Protein backbone atom coordinates (compact mmCIF):
# COMPACT_ATOMS: atom_id res chain seq x y z
CA UNK A 1 0.00 0.00 0.00
CA UNK A 2 1.45 3.36 -1.06
CA UNK A 3 1.72 6.60 0.82
CA UNK A 4 -1.71 8.33 0.75
CA UNK A 5 -0.18 11.76 1.42
CA UNK A 6 0.51 12.68 -2.24
CA UNK A 7 -3.10 11.84 -3.15
CA UNK A 8 -4.28 13.99 -0.24
CA UNK A 9 -2.14 16.91 -1.44
CA UNK A 10 -3.32 16.36 -5.02
CA UNK A 11 -6.96 16.49 -3.87
CA UNK A 12 -6.34 19.63 -1.83
CA UNK A 13 -4.67 21.42 -4.73
CA UNK A 14 -7.36 20.43 -7.22
CA UNK A 15 -10.20 21.42 -4.88
CA UNK A 16 -8.54 24.76 -4.14
CA UNK A 17 -8.00 25.61 -7.82
CA UNK A 18 -11.63 24.77 -8.59
CA UNK A 19 -12.89 26.95 -5.71
CA UNK A 20 -10.85 29.85 -7.06
CA UNK A 21 -12.65 29.58 -10.41
CA UNK A 22 -9.34 29.24 -12.24
CA UNK A 23 -9.03 27.36 -15.51
CA UNK A 24 -6.60 24.46 -15.36
CA UNK A 25 -5.36 21.37 -17.10
CA UNK A 26 -3.78 18.33 -15.49
CA UNK A 27 -0.87 16.29 -16.78
CA UNK A 28 0.98 13.24 -15.53
CA UNK A 29 4.72 13.69 -15.33
CA UNK A 30 7.40 11.37 -14.06
CA UNK A 31 7.06 11.42 -10.26
CA UNK A 32 4.56 14.32 -10.33
CA UNK A 33 1.03 15.42 -11.13
CA UNK A 34 1.08 18.82 -12.83
CA UNK A 35 -1.59 21.52 -12.88
CA UNK A 36 -1.27 24.31 -15.46
CA UNK A 37 -3.39 27.03 -13.86
CA UNK A 38 -4.68 30.17 -15.53
CA UNK A 39 -6.55 32.99 -13.83
CA UNK A 40 -7.07 36.09 -15.95
CA UNK A 41 -3.75 36.87 -17.64
CA UNK A 42 -1.72 34.98 -15.04
CA UNK A 43 -0.43 31.45 -15.55
CA UNK A 44 1.32 29.22 -13.01
CA UNK A 45 2.27 25.60 -12.64
CA UNK A 46 1.61 23.59 -9.48
CA UNK A 47 3.34 20.21 -9.25
CA UNK A 48 2.49 17.57 -6.66
CA UNK A 49 5.39 15.14 -6.40
CA UNK A 50 5.15 11.50 -5.33
CA UNK A 51 6.87 12.54 -2.09
CA UNK A 52 3.93 14.83 -1.25
CA UNK A 53 5.94 17.97 -2.00
CA UNK A 54 4.10 20.83 -3.71
CA UNK A 55 6.09 23.11 -6.01
CA UNK A 56 4.75 26.36 -7.47
CA UNK A 57 6.28 27.79 -10.66
CA UNK A 58 5.58 30.95 -12.62
CA UNK A 59 6.25 34.65 -12.74
CA UNK A 60 5.28 36.92 -9.87
CA UNK A 61 1.52 37.49 -9.83
CA UNK A 62 -1.45 37.44 -7.50
CA UNK A 63 -2.17 33.89 -8.75
CA UNK A 64 1.31 32.75 -7.73
CA UNK A 65 0.95 34.47 -4.33
CA UNK A 66 -2.35 32.66 -3.77
CA UNK A 67 -0.86 29.29 -4.74
CA UNK A 68 2.12 29.96 -2.43
CA UNK A 69 -0.35 30.57 0.42
CA UNK A 70 -1.95 27.22 -0.41
CA UNK A 71 1.47 25.54 -0.33
CA UNK A 72 2.20 27.08 3.07
CA UNK A 73 -1.16 25.92 4.42
CA UNK A 74 -0.57 22.37 3.17
CA UNK A 75 2.94 22.31 4.65
CA UNK A 76 1.46 23.40 7.98
CA UNK A 77 -1.18 20.66 7.64
CA UNK A 78 -3.96 23.25 7.80
CA UNK A 79 -5.93 22.19 4.72
CA UNK A 80 -8.80 19.78 4.29
CA UNK A 81 -10.00 19.20 0.72
CA UNK A 82 -13.34 20.99 1.00
CA UNK A 83 -12.57 23.68 3.58
CA UNK A 84 -12.08 27.34 2.81
CA UNK A 85 -8.75 28.66 4.00
CA UNK A 86 -8.60 31.85 6.09
CA UNK A 87 -7.15 33.87 3.22
CA UNK A 88 -9.94 32.62 0.91
CA UNK A 89 -12.58 33.75 3.39
CA UNK A 90 -10.95 37.21 3.55
CA UNK A 91 -11.15 37.46 -0.24
CA UNK A 92 -14.93 36.85 -0.14
CA UNK A 93 -15.52 39.51 2.55
């Protein structure tokens, strides 16, 4: 039985991107699941590695900042797949 953590991270990232209303595509890469995320004119890449590590790539933008906040929340084990994060709630206020 494999480590469920990468699947948990994958689910959290996918759920988060969908809640943000961003367009995205998914690709399988060697040792990673890749999300190409677009929101407005901004584009970023989020990769979930088989180790459970989340890597965010792309030029500086509000989209990248938001995905970095997601990464930080996951690393601090603060995310459940269907929960809004504190910074998401602030954005809706």
